[in-house]
Structure formats: structure tokens, C-alpha cells
């Protein structure tokens, strides 16, 4: 197998809102907020659902890789409930091998409200449910050992059981890639993420805001200099300013596509990672991998949701 993703198994509930809705509910645009089930249900009761789909950041990337013809799998924790059933069916339909046997749990399958404002930005409100309780026993050792690479999700990292799952997977894996996921996520786990980036990961995906927050960089030049010293493969997405990859002394840039009709930014980073990793595991150059990531994310932002049809 080429790549196994390990991340939050979350059912995405996509809704359109205006900016006032975010203000009224004290939500910060373009970020992800974790809530308990009560707050989640309260918000859900005020919304009109546009679409429901099997989601989670790394799961979106893995589906993108599958759609590009790669042999891929996913590990993520769900409950044996209605949403869990739909989640598993959603991945199987996309030819993703799902390495988790669901069972009856106290906590329900995780859910994420994706609130899309008229400017196409997405603000996420997540009730992790059982997804955030992944542990080392949920890691399929055989599948990890037989894959060329694991792709980890920063959203999933937390002290305790999720950390033990990460540690086990990294110990068994050949090549380790991870997405930093979200600026607030980076702020919460800064010292741990720095340790992962410096000492355990081979490939790091981040947007410019996330990586600057992690290393306290004032600008992109400082990020690039950090990447040159790091000795890993660092990929930084910059929205309309394109993307840049740094590996040792090599700096490769890629422009974003122009004249796009942007509908929804949900999944843009996830599909960028899918395109980049597709290039990497199929032995294309870093420049070509950046171009494939750009192509995938450009398609993604011109439709609603985090999946290409």
C-alpha cells in the first residue's frame, strides 16, 4: 500500500451562513472550534443542512489520493451507530481500505459543522465524539508496516491516548508525513508540534499562518530559512500567493491558478496535500508535486464540500 492516513473520522455537515451568524455565536472565521455535544446540537438546530459527507482532514486527502488511482487506507475511530455506518460506507465507496473495526461505544461518531460564509471561507465547529479517543490499540500494525508512508493529522494529536496512537504509528512507519491542520491547534500544542517537526516527521504540510505561529516567524523568509536548517521536506501553502517547498538548500515555488470562481475553501489544503503526495509517491519532482497539489486544490475550491466528484 502507498499511504495510510490516520486522523479524525468525522462526518461533515455542510451549511451556508452569513457573517452575522458567526458573530452571534462568537465564532472566529476560518478557524476550528471544539465543542461538547450540547453546544453542537444547539448550533445544529439553528442551521439548514446543505450536505452530509464522510470527512476529516486527512480522510479527505486519502480519498483524493484514491481518486487519483493510488492504493491507500485510513485509520480513524467511529462508533457502531448510524453516522458511523455512513462514514464507513462513504470511505469504502471511494475505494479506501478502512482499517478499523467499529464497535458499540458510549461516545457517538464525531461530527463537524462546516459553516460557509458568502466569501467562501469555512468556519468549523467540531464535536469529536469517539474520534478523539483513538488509542494505540486502534493502530493496525500490519497495515502500517506494509505501507510506504503514514499521513497524520494535527487535529488528532492530544496528550494521552491519541499521543500513544501517534507514537506507535510513527515507530512502525517507514516515512512519516503530517499536516499541522490549524493555527489554534498549533497554539495549543506548540512545544509538542515543534518536537514532532524537528525530531520525528519526514514531511510537514502547513499553511503560512500555521508554520509562522509554530516557529514565531515574522515573515516567509524566516520560514524558508528555518526549512533550510530543518533538513526535512516542508511544504507551505499560501492561498492566492501559491505554495513553496523547502528541502535542505532547495527552495521550489509554485504559483496559484488565477481567474477561479471560488465557491468554498473547505478541503483546499486537504486536496493540495493529496495532489502533492500523489506526485511524491509516483516519483515526480517536487515542482511537479506542487503543481499537482495546486491543480487539485483549485478544483476543490470551485465546488461545495471537501470531495471531488
Protein backbone atom coordinates (compact mmCIF):
# COMPACT_ATOMS: atom_id res chain seq x y z
CA UNK A 1 0.00 0.00 0.00
CA UNK A 2 1.19 3.50 -0.78
CA UNK A 3 -0.16 5.63 2.10
CA UNK A 4 -2.24 5.13 5.23
CA UNK A 5 -3.88 8.19 6.75
CA UNK A 6 -4.53 8.41 10.49
CA UNK A 7 -6.97 11.10 11.53
CA UNK A 8 -10.28 12.14 12.97
CA UNK A 9 -13.13 10.13 11.47
CA UNK A 10 -15.63 12.95 11.30
CA UNK A 11 -18.93 13.28 9.46
CA UNK A 12 -19.01 16.73 7.83
CA UNK A 13 -22.30 18.63 7.97
CA UNK A 14 -22.10 21.49 5.47
CA UNK A 15 -24.22 24.62 6.00
CA UNK A 16 -24.28 28.12 4.48
CA UNK A 17 -24.42 31.08 6.89
CA UNK A 18 -23.82 34.83 6.85
CA UNK A 19 -21.13 36.69 8.79
CA UNK A 20 -23.64 37.82 11.40
CA UNK A 21 -24.30 34.19 12.31
CA UNK A 22 -20.60 33.77 13.23
CA UNK A 23 -20.67 36.98 15.27
CA UNK A 24 -23.89 36.00 17.07
CA UNK A 25 -22.40 32.63 18.03
CA UNK A 26 -18.95 34.00 18.93
CA UNK A 27 -17.17 32.02 16.23
CA UNK A 28 -13.88 33.16 14.69
CA UNK A 29 -13.98 32.97 10.91
CA UNK A 30 -11.71 30.39 9.20
CA UNK A 31 -10.85 28.54 12.41
CA UNK A 32 -11.95 25.29 14.02
CA UNK A 33 -13.61 25.29 17.44
CA UNK A 34 -14.07 22.16 19.58
CA UNK A 35 -17.40 21.95 21.43
CA UNK A 36 -19.31 19.46 23.55
CA UNK A 37 -22.36 17.61 22.30
CA UNK A 38 -24.83 20.04 23.92
CA UNK A 39 -23.35 23.11 22.20
CA UNK A 40 -23.06 21.20 18.93
CA UNK A 41 -26.74 20.19 18.95
CA UNK A 42 -27.77 23.75 19.88
CA UNK A 43 -25.97 25.16 16.83
CA UNK A 44 -27.19 22.38 14.55
CA UNK A 45 -30.82 23.14 15.47
CA UNK A 46 -30.44 26.66 14.00
CA UNK A 47 -29.00 25.58 10.64
CA UNK A 48 -30.15 24.32 7.25
CA UNK A 49 -28.02 21.35 6.15
CA UNK A 50 -26.72 21.52 2.57
CA UNK A 51 -24.78 18.26 2.51
CA UNK A 52 -23.53 15.45 4.79
CA UNK A 53 -20.35 13.55 3.89
CA UNK A 54 -17.64 11.33 5.45
CA UNK A 55 -14.93 13.83 6.33
CA UNK A 56 -11.96 14.65 8.48
CA UNK A 57 -8.92 16.45 7.10
CA UNK A 58 -6.60 13.51 6.42
CA UNK A 59 -9.53 11.31 5.32
CA UNK A 60 -10.27 13.94 2.65
CA UNK A 61 -6.65 13.74 1.49
CA UNK A 62 -6.76 9.94 1.40
CA UNK A 63 -9.95 9.96 -0.68
CA UNK A 64 -8.27 12.41 -3.08
CA UNK A 65 -5.30 10.05 -3.39
CA UNK A 66 -7.66 7.15 -4.07
CA UNK A 67 -9.45 9.14 -6.77
CA UNK A 68 -6.05 9.67 -8.41
CA UNK A 69 -5.63 5.89 -8.60
CA UNK A 70 -3.42 5.21 -5.57
CA UNK A 71 -3.69 2.22 -3.22
CA UNK A 72 -4.48 3.88 0.12
CA UNK A 73 -6.04 3.21 3.53
CA UNK A 74 -7.33 5.06 6.57
CA UNK A 75 -7.45 4.54 10.34
CA UNK A 76 -9.98 6.56 12.33
CA UNK A 77 -12.28 5.78 15.23
CA UNK A 78 -16.07 5.64 14.82
CA UNK A 79 -18.98 4.27 16.83
CA UNK A 80 -21.21 1.49 15.58
CA UNK A 81 -24.09 3.96 15.15
CA UNK A 82 -25.93 5.40 12.15
CA UNK A 83 -23.32 8.07 11.39
CA UNK A 84 -20.53 5.54 11.88
CA UNK A 85 -22.15 3.21 9.38
CA UNK A 86 -22.49 6.07 6.87
CA UNK A 87 -18.89 7.08 7.46
CA UNK A 88 -17.53 3.62 6.70
CA UNK A 89 -19.75 3.28 3.64
CA UNK A 90 -18.54 6.67 2.38
CA UNK A 91 -14.88 5.60 2.51
CA UNK A 92 -15.50 2.14 1.05
CA UNK A 93 -17.38 3.72 -1.87
CA UNK A 94 -14.21 5.72 -2.63
CA UNK A 95 -12.04 2.56 -2.70
CA UNK A 96 -10.26 3.47 0.54
CA UNK A 97 -9.30 0.48 2.70
CA UNK A 98 -10.66 1.16 6.18
CA UNK A 99 -8.52 -0.38 8.92
CA UNK A 100 -10.84 -0.07 11.89
CA UNK A 101 -13.50 -2.44 13.24
CA UNK A 102 -16.26 -0.30 14.72
CA UNK A 103 -18.00 -1.38 17.90
CA UNK A 104 -20.62 -0.01 20.27
CA UNK A 105 -19.15 2.91 22.22
CA UNK A 106 -20.52 5.33 24.80
CA UNK A 107 -19.49 8.34 22.69
CA UNK A 108 -21.12 8.83 19.26
CA UNK A 109 -19.31 9.15 15.93
CA UNK A 110 -17.66 12.57 15.58
CA UNK A 111 -19.34 15.37 13.64
CA UNK A 112 -18.19 18.71 12.24
CA UNK A 113 -20.33 21.67 11.24
CA UNK A 114 -18.73 23.39 8.26
CA UNK A 115 -20.15 26.90 8.08
CA UNK A 116 -19.60 28.56 4.71
CA UNK A 117 -19.89 32.35 4.53
CA UNK A 118 -20.55 34.31 1.29
CA UNK A 119 -16.79 34.98 0.87
CA UNK A 120 -16.29 31.16 0.55
CA UNK A 121 -14.38 30.95 3.85
CA UNK A 122 -15.23 27.99 6.07
CA UNK A 123 -15.51 28.04 9.84
CA UNK A 124 -15.65 24.69 11.61
CA UNK A 125 -17.36 23.63 14.82
CA UNK A 126 -16.39 20.10 15.81
CA UNK A 127 -17.79 17.63 18.29
CA UNK A 128 -15.11 14.93 18.26
CA UNK A 129 -17.15 12.20 19.92
CA UNK A 130 -15.32 8.88 19.76
CA UNK A 131 -12.91 10.14 17.06
CA UNK A 132 -10.78 11.97 19.60
CA UNK A 133 -10.42 8.86 21.76
CA UNK A 134 -8.22 6.92 19.35
CA UNK A 135 -5.52 4.91 21.12
CA UNK A 136 -2.59 2.64 20.32
CA UNK A 137 -4.82 -0.44 20.23
CA UNK A 138 -6.68 1.11 17.27
CA UNK A 139 -3.50 1.19 15.16
CA UNK A 140 -3.32 -1.71 12.71
CA UNK A 141 0.34 -2.75 12.92
CA UNK A 142 0.33 -4.93 9.81
CA UNK A 143 -1.23 -2.23 7.65
CA UNK A 144 1.26 0.42 8.86
CA UNK A 145 4.28 -1.81 8.26
CA UNK A 146 3.08 -2.69 4.76
CA UNK A 147 2.50 0.92 3.68
CA UNK A 148 5.19 3.18 2.24
CA UNK A 149 4.08 6.20 4.28
CA UNK A 150 1.72 7.36 7.02
CA UNK A 151 -0.05 10.72 6.86
CA UNK A 152 -1.00 12.11 10.28
CA UNK A 153 -3.46 14.84 11.20
CA UNK A 154 -2.53 17.63 13.63
CA UNK A 155 -6.18 17.93 14.67
CA UNK A 156 -5.98 14.42 16.12
CA UNK A 157 -2.92 14.98 18.29
CA UNK A 158 -3.60 15.29 22.01
CA UNK A 159 -1.98 14.20 25.23
CA UNK A 160 -2.83 10.71 26.45
CA UNK A 161 -4.35 8.09 24.18
CA UNK A 162 -4.11 9.94 20.83
CA UNK A 163 -0.42 10.63 21.52
CA UNK A 164 0.16 6.94 22.18
CA UNK A 165 -1.54 6.13 18.85
CA UNK A 166 0.72 8.63 17.05
CA UNK A 167 3.85 7.28 18.75
CA UNK A 168 3.03 3.68 17.84
CA UNK A 169 2.28 4.53 14.22
CA UNK A 170 5.47 6.58 13.84
CA UNK A 171 7.55 3.81 15.38
CA UNK A 172 6.25 1.29 12.83
CA UNK A 173 6.29 3.53 9.77
CA UNK A 174 8.89 3.99 7.02
CA UNK A 175 8.09 7.60 6.12
CA UNK A 176 6.10 9.98 8.31
CA UNK A 177 4.11 12.95 6.98
CA UNK A 178 1.83 15.27 8.95
CA UNK A 179 -0.40 18.28 8.45
CA UNK A 180 -0.31 20.94 11.18
CA UNK A 181 -4.06 21.38 10.48
CA UNK A 182 -5.00 24.68 12.14
CA UNK A 183 -3.43 27.75 13.78
CA UNK A 184 -5.32 27.24 17.07
CA UNK A 185 -4.22 23.60 17.01
CA UNK A 186 -0.59 24.75 16.68
CA UNK A 187 -1.00 27.23 19.54
CA UNK A 188 -2.47 24.54 21.84
CA UNK A 189 0.30 22.00 21.18
CA UNK A 190 3.22 24.24 20.23
CA UNK A 191 6.08 22.53 22.06
CA UNK A 192 4.85 19.05 21.08
CA UNK A 193 4.42 20.01 17.43
CA UNK A 194 7.90 21.54 17.39
CA UNK A 195 9.29 18.28 18.74
CA UNK A 196 7.44 16.30 16.05
CA UNK A 197 8.64 18.61 13.28
CA UNK A 198 12.27 18.62 14.42
CA UNK A 199 12.71 15.03 15.52
CA UNK A 200 10.07 12.63 14.20
CA UNK A 201 8.49 13.72 10.92
CA UNK A 202 9.91 13.50 7.39
CA UNK A 203 7.30 15.63 5.59
CA UNK A 204 5.39 18.59 7.04
CA UNK A 205 2.38 20.36 5.50
CA UNK A 206 1.33 23.76 6.86
CA UNK A 207 -0.21 26.96 5.66
CA UNK A 208 1.86 30.10 6.17
CA UNK A 209 -0.09 31.19 9.25
CA UNK A 210 0.37 27.82 10.96
CA UNK A 211 4.12 27.50 10.39
CA UNK A 212 4.78 31.12 11.34
CA UNK A 213 2.86 30.56 14.58
CA UNK A 214 4.82 27.38 15.29
CA UNK A 215 8.28 28.90 14.89
CA UNK A 216 7.44 32.54 15.77
CA UNK A 217 8.46 33.74 12.31
CA UNK A 218 7.77 37.32 11.25
CA UNK A 219 7.64 36.56 7.53
CA UNK A 220 8.01 33.89 4.86
CA UNK A 221 11.76 34.50 4.56
CA UNK A 222 12.22 33.35 8.17
CA UNK A 223 10.08 30.28 7.45
CA UNK A 224 12.22 29.40 4.43
CA UNK A 225 15.42 29.82 6.44
CA UNK A 226 14.00 27.55 9.15
CA UNK A 227 13.10 24.98 6.50
CA UNK A 228 16.63 25.04 5.08
CA UNK A 229 18.08 24.28 8.50
CA UNK A 230 15.44 21.63 9.26
CA UNK A 231 16.62 19.04 6.75
CA UNK A 232 13.07 17.73 6.19
CA UNK A 233 10.58 18.35 3.38
CA UNK A 234 8.50 21.37 4.40
CA UNK A 235 5.52 22.36 2.22
CA UNK A 236 3.88 25.73 2.88
CA UNK A 237 0.61 26.77 1.24
CA UNK A 238 -0.08 30.49 0.84
CA UNK A 239 -3.57 30.74 -0.66
CA UNK A 240 -3.62 33.05 -3.66
CA UNK A 241 0.15 33.56 -3.29
CA UNK A 242 0.78 29.95 -4.25
CA UNK A 243 2.96 27.46 -2.40
CA UNK A 244 6.59 26.77 -1.58
CA UNK A 245 8.52 23.62 -0.70
CA UNK A 246 11.84 23.63 1.15
CA UNK A 247 14.19 20.65 1.26
CA UNK A 248 17.72 21.28 2.54
CA UNK A 249 19.03 24.14 0.39
CA UNK A 250 16.44 23.68 -2.36
CA UNK A 251 13.52 26.12 -2.50
CA UNK A 252 10.75 25.37 -5.01
CA UNK A 253 7.84 27.73 -5.61
CA UNK A 254 4.54 27.28 -7.42
CA UNK A 255 2.05 29.97 -8.41
CA UNK A 256 -1.65 29.60 -7.65
CA UNK A 257 -4.13 29.36 -10.51
CA UNK A 258 -5.95 32.57 -11.40
CA UNK A 259 -9.48 33.50 -12.52
CA UNK A 260 -11.13 30.80 -10.44
CA UNK A 261 -14.75 31.02 -9.37
CA UNK A 262 -14.24 30.33 -5.67
CA UNK A 263 -17.29 28.79 -4.01
CA UNK A 264 -15.98 27.12 -0.83
CA UNK A 265 -12.46 26.81 0.61
CA UNK A 266 -13.35 23.63 2.54
CA UNK A 267 -10.83 20.90 1.83
CA UNK A 268 -8.47 23.08 -0.23
CA UNK A 269 -5.47 22.19 1.95
CA UNK A 270 -6.55 18.54 2.18
CA UNK A 271 -6.71 18.15 -1.60
CA UNK A 272 -3.48 20.09 -2.05
CA UNK A 273 -1.80 17.51 0.20
CA UNK A 274 -3.43 14.70 -1.84
CA UNK A 275 -2.08 16.10 -5.09
CA UNK A 276 1.38 16.71 -3.68
CA UNK A 277 1.66 13.25 -2.10
CA UNK A 278 0.38 11.68 -5.33
CA UNK A 279 3.29 13.28 -7.15
CA UNK A 280 5.77 12.30 -4.47
CA UNK A 281 4.84 8.61 -4.24
CA UNK A 282 4.79 8.34 -8.03
CA UNK A 283 8.34 9.71 -8.26
CA UNK A 284 7.67 13.07 -9.90
CA UNK A 285 9.75 16.13 -8.99
CA UNK A 286 8.87 18.41 -6.06
CA UNK A 287 7.92 21.12 -8.58
CA UNK A 288 5.52 18.75 -10.35
CA UNK A 289 4.13 17.61 -7.00
CA UNK A 290 3.42 21.24 -6.04
CA UNK A 291 1.69 21.73 -9.40
CA UNK A 292 -0.47 18.64 -8.86
CA UNK A 293 -1.40 19.88 -5.39
CA UNK A 294 -2.32 23.27 -6.84
CA UNK A 295 -4.41 21.63 -9.56
CA UNK A 296 -6.34 19.54 -7.01
CA UNK A 297 -6.97 22.42 -4.58
CA UNK A 298 -8.06 24.68 -7.47
CA UNK A 299 -10.71 22.15 -8.47
CA UNK A 300 -11.78 21.79 -4.85
CA UNK A 301 -12.48 25.46 -4.12
CA UNK A 302 -14.81 25.77 -7.11
CA UNK A 303 -17.36 23.40 -5.53
CA UNK A 304 -19.10 22.96 -2.18
CA UNK A 305 -17.67 20.38 0.21
CA UNK A 306 -14.33 18.65 0.65
CA UNK A 307 -14.61 15.94 -2.01
CA UNK A 308 -14.14 15.95 -5.76
CA UNK A 309 -16.89 14.11 -7.64
